[in-house]
Amino acid sequence: MNDNVVYSKIEYQDALFAKKHILETQINLLNAMNSIDNYKDLRKKELLLKLKLKNNLKNIKDHIIKLNNHLPQTKEMKKHISVKNIKGYERGYEDKESKKKRERASSIESELEDIRNKLSQLG
């Protein structure tokens, strides 16, 4: 065994204060985790909206090209830019992500509730 063990006495009020402080810190960390999860979700939504916008712009460009093909051609109108195809967002992946998000949010909420109960019991 370790012969260099040192014990110190902590007053009840100090121990109670430290325990409350630790629980409050846990609450703050869990809230930060929620904020990070929300940020990630917003970034995914932003990406989806950007992809939809890009697809819409591609469709508009295709319509303009078709319109130009039906109009009388001049030398200036023969210049066309090729557009890459964009794959759509898979719905199955979105469902898995939303399920993961809900499970994580519920676990964080339950942890927050447990910590709040402990704090209320401490006074």
C-alpha atoms as a PDB file:
ATOM      1  CA  MET A   1       0.000   0.000   0.000  1.00  0.00           C
ATOM      2  CA  ASN A   2       0.908   3.636  -0.313  1.00  0.00           C
ATOM      3  CA  ASP A   3       2.515   4.885   2.915  1.00  0.00           C
ATOM      4  CA  ASN A   4       2.444   8.533   1.828  1.00  0.00           C
ATOM      5  CA  VAL A   5      -1.329   9.000   2.043  1.00  0.00           C
ATOM      6  CA  VAL A   6      -2.365  12.366   3.440  1.00  0.00           C
ATOM      7  CA  TYR A   7      -5.901  13.079   4.614  1.00  0.00           C
ATOM      8  CA  SER A   8      -7.404  16.488   5.095  1.00  0.00           C
ATOM      9  CA  LYS A   9     -10.678  17.486   6.630  1.00  0.00           C
ATOM     10  CA  ILE A  10     -13.118  19.502   4.545  1.00  0.00           C
ATOM     11  CA  GLU A  11     -15.855  21.424   6.273  1.00  0.00           C
ATOM     12  CA  TYR A  12     -19.419  20.411   5.436  1.00  0.00           C
ATOM     13  CA  GLN A  13     -20.256  23.816   3.921  1.00  0.00           C
ATOM     14  CA  ASP A  14     -17.127  23.714   1.736  1.00  0.00           C
ATOM     15  CA  ALA A  15     -17.924  20.199   0.548  1.00  0.00           C
ATOM     16  CA  LEU A  16     -21.519  21.215  -0.189  1.00  0.00           C
ATOM     17  CA  PHE A  17     -20.345  24.289  -2.096  1.00  0.00           C
ATOM     18  CA  ALA A  18     -17.863  22.197  -4.115  1.00  0.00           C
ATOM     19  CA  LYS A  19     -20.492  19.589  -4.955  1.00  0.00           C
ATOM     20  CA  LYS A  20     -22.960  22.286  -6.079  1.00  0.00           C
ATOM     21  CA  HIS A  21     -20.245  23.909  -8.158  1.00  0.00           C
ATOM     22  CA  ILE A  22     -19.370  20.596  -9.838  1.00  0.00           C
ATOM     23  CA  LEU A  23     -23.039  19.920 -10.631  1.00  0.00           C
ATOM     24  CA  GLU A  24     -23.493  23.427 -12.067  1.00  0.00           C
ATOM     25  CA  THR A  25     -20.395  22.915 -14.189  1.00  0.00           C
ATOM     26  CA  GLN A  26     -21.878  19.665 -15.511  1.00  0.00           C
ATOM     27  CA  ILE A  27     -25.083  21.524 -16.408  1.00  0.00           C
ATOM     28  CA  ASN A  28     -23.073  24.156 -18.269  1.00  0.00           C
ATOM     29  CA  LEU A  29     -21.141  21.485 -20.175  1.00  0.00           C
ATOM     30  CA  LEU A  30     -24.327  19.662 -21.154  1.00  0.00           C
ATOM     31  CA  ASN A  31     -25.866  22.947 -22.328  1.00  0.00           C
ATOM     32  CA  ALA A  32     -22.737  23.589 -24.386  1.00  0.00           C
ATOM     33  CA  MET A  33     -23.089  20.111 -25.911  1.00  0.00           C
ATOM     34  CA  ASN A  34     -26.697  20.934 -26.829  1.00  0.00           C
ATOM     35  CA  SER A  35     -25.567  24.169 -28.450  1.00  0.00           C
ATOM     36  CA  ILE A  36     -22.906  22.343 -30.447  1.00  0.00           C
ATOM     37  CA  ASP A  37     -25.462  19.756 -31.607  1.00  0.00           C
ATOM     38  CA  ASN A  38     -27.843  22.533 -32.646  1.00  0.00           C
ATOM     39  CA  TYR A  39     -25.020  24.242 -34.541  1.00  0.00           C
ATOM     40  CA  LYS A  40     -24.192  21.012 -36.382  1.00  0.00           C
ATOM     41  CA  ASP A  41     -27.852  20.575 -37.328  1.00  0.00           C
ATOM     42  CA  LEU A  42     -28.037  24.141 -38.603  1.00  0.00           C
ATOM     43  CA  ARG A  43     -24.905  23.602 -40.682  1.00  0.00           C
ATOM     44  CA  LYS A  44     -26.438  20.459 -42.212  1.00  0.00           C
ATOM     45  CA  LYS A  45     -29.625  22.361 -43.017  1.00  0.00           C
ATOM     46  CA  GLU A  46     -27.540  25.136 -44.539  1.00  0.00           C
ATOM     47  CA  LEU A  47     -25.710  22.614 -46.702  1.00  0.00           C
ATOM     48  CA  LEU A  48     -29.002  21.104 -47.854  1.00  0.00           C
ATOM     49  CA  LEU A  49     -30.372  24.535 -48.726  1.00  0.00           C
ATOM     50  CA  LYS A  50     -27.205  25.381 -50.636  1.00  0.00           C
ATOM     51  CA  LEU A  51     -27.470  22.118 -52.570  1.00  0.00           C
ATOM     52  CA  LYS A  52     -31.103  22.860 -53.403  1.00  0.00           C
ATOM     53  CA  LEU A  53     -30.141  26.353 -54.520  1.00  0.00           C
ATOM     54  CA  LYS A  54     -27.357  24.952 -56.666  1.00  0.00           C
ATOM     55  CA  ASN A  55     -29.786  22.440 -58.225  1.00  0.00           C
ATOM     56  CA  ASN A  56     -32.294  25.202 -58.893  1.00  0.00           C
ATOM     57  CA  LEU A  57     -29.616  27.343 -60.526  1.00  0.00           C
ATOM     58  CA  LYS A  58     -28.595  24.383 -62.669  1.00  0.00           C
ATOM     59  CA  ASN A  59     -32.211  23.893 -63.753  1.00  0.00           C
ATOM     60  CA  ILE A  60     -32.529  27.571 -64.592  1.00  0.00           C
ATOM     61  CA  LYS A  61     -29.321  27.431 -66.592  1.00  0.00           C
ATOM     62  CA  ASP A  62     -30.553  24.351 -68.464  1.00  0.00           C
ATOM     63  CA  HIS A  63     -33.793  26.156 -69.288  1.00  0.00           C
ATOM     64  CA  ILE A  64     -31.863  29.172 -70.542  1.00  0.00           C
ATOM     65  CA  ILE A  65     -29.709  26.917 -72.722  1.00  0.00           C
ATOM     66  CA  LYS A  66     -32.814  25.230 -74.153  1.00  0.00           C
ATOM     67  CA  LEU A  67     -34.353  28.627 -74.796  1.00  0.00           C
ATOM     68  CA  ASN A  68     -31.176  29.777 -76.527  1.00  0.00           C
ATOM     69  CA  ASN A  69     -31.220  26.648 -78.682  1.00  0.00           C
ATOM     70  CA  HIS A  70     -34.709  27.515 -79.899  1.00  0.00           C
ATOM     71  CA  LEU A  71     -33.861  31.126 -80.638  1.00  0.00           C
ATOM     72  CA  PRO A  72     -31.986  32.239 -83.748  1.00  0.00           C
ATOM     73  CA  GLN A  73     -28.276  31.758 -83.184  1.00  0.00           C
ATOM     74  CA  THR A  74     -25.649  34.476 -83.264  1.00  0.00           C
ATOM     75  CA  LYS A  75     -21.924  34.145 -82.650  1.00  0.00           C
ATOM     76  CA  GLU A  76     -22.234  35.482 -79.100  1.00  0.00           C
ATOM     77  CA  MET A  77     -24.950  33.009 -78.153  1.00  0.00           C
ATOM     78  CA  LYS A  78     -22.945  29.886 -79.053  1.00  0.00           C
ATOM     79  CA  LYS A  79     -20.832  30.066 -75.900  1.00  0.00           C
ATOM     80  CA  HIS A  80     -22.226  27.604 -73.339  1.00  0.00           C
ATOM     81  CA  ILE A  81     -20.784  26.563 -70.008  1.00  0.00           C
ATOM     82  CA  SER A  82     -21.021  22.908 -69.001  1.00  0.00           C
ATOM     83  CA  VAL A  83     -22.613  22.200 -65.635  1.00  0.00           C
ATOM     84  CA  LYS A  84     -21.799  19.242 -63.377  1.00  0.00           C
ATOM     85  CA  ASN A  85     -24.640  17.067 -62.096  1.00  0.00           C
ATOM     86  CA  ILE A  86     -25.281  17.250 -58.381  1.00  0.00           C
ATOM     87  CA  LYS A  87     -26.485  14.242 -56.467  1.00  0.00           C
ATOM     88  CA  GLY A  88     -29.466  14.848 -54.210  1.00  0.00           C
ATOM     89  CA  TYR A  89     -29.417  14.313 -50.493  1.00  0.00           C
ATOM     90  CA  GLU A  90     -30.400  10.784 -49.522  1.00  0.00           C
ATOM     91  CA  ARG A  91     -33.517  10.741 -47.367  1.00  0.00           C
ATOM     92  CA  GLY A  92     -32.481   7.586 -45.477  1.00  0.00           C
ATOM     93  CA  TYR A  93     -29.332   9.275 -44.204  1.00  0.00           C
ATOM     94  CA  GLU A  94     -31.352  12.250 -43.007  1.00  0.00           C
ATOM     95  CA  ASP A  95     -33.688   9.942 -41.060  1.00  0.00           C
ATOM     96  CA  LYS A  96     -30.761   8.206 -39.345  1.00  0.00           C
ATOM     97  CA  GLU A  97     -29.261  11.562 -38.406  1.00  0.00           C
ATOM     98  CA  SER A  98     -32.516  12.889 -36.965  1.00  0.00           C
ATOM     99  CA  LYS A  99     -32.958   9.681 -34.942  1.00  0.00           C
ATOM    100  CA  LYS A 100     -29.412  10.002 -33.564  1.00  0.00           C
ATOM    101  CA  LYS A 101     -30.048  13.635 -32.704  1.00  0.00           C
ATOM    102  CA  ARG A 102     -33.267  12.829 -30.838  1.00  0.00           C
ATOM    103  CA  GLU A 103     -31.585  10.026 -28.843  1.00  0.00           C
ATOM    104  CA  ARG A 104     -28.649  12.233 -27.893  1.00  0.00           C
ATOM    105  CA  ALA A 105     -30.907  15.144 -26.956  1.00  0.00           C
ATOM    106  CA  SER A 106     -33.052  12.917 -24.745  1.00  0.00           C
ATOM    107  CA  SER A 107     -29.990  11.504 -22.961  1.00  0.00           C
ATOM    108  CA  ILE A 108     -28.602  14.996 -22.384  1.00  0.00           C
ATOM    109  CA  GLU A 109     -31.986  16.193 -21.116  1.00  0.00           C
ATOM    110  CA  SER A 110     -32.210  13.255 -18.701  1.00  0.00           C
ATOM    111  CA  GLU A 111     -28.706  14.003 -17.403  1.00  0.00           C
ATOM    112  CA  LEU A 112     -29.627  17.656 -16.955  1.00  0.00           C
ATOM    113  CA  GLU A 113     -32.764  16.676 -15.031  1.00  0.00           C
ATOM    114  CA  ASP A 114     -30.749  14.324 -12.767  1.00  0.00           C
ATOM    115  CA  ILE A 115     -28.215  17.035 -12.009  1.00  0.00           C
ATOM    116  CA  ARG A 116     -30.959  19.585 -11.292  1.00  0.00           C
ATOM    117  CA  ASN A 117     -32.576  17.102  -8.887  1.00  0.00           C
ATOM    118  CA  LYS A 118     -29.254  16.614  -7.093  1.00  0.00           C
ATOM    119  CA  LEU A 119     -28.826  20.377  -6.819  1.00  0.00           C
ATOM    120  CA  SER A 120     -32.310  20.816  -5.392  1.00  0.00           C
ATOM    121  CA  GLN A 121     -31.641  18.071  -2.844  1.00  0.00           C
ATOM    122  CA  LEU A 122     -28.449  19.806  -1.742  1.00  0.00           C
ATOM    123  CA  GLY A 123     -30.399  22.936  -1.022  1.00  0.00           C
END
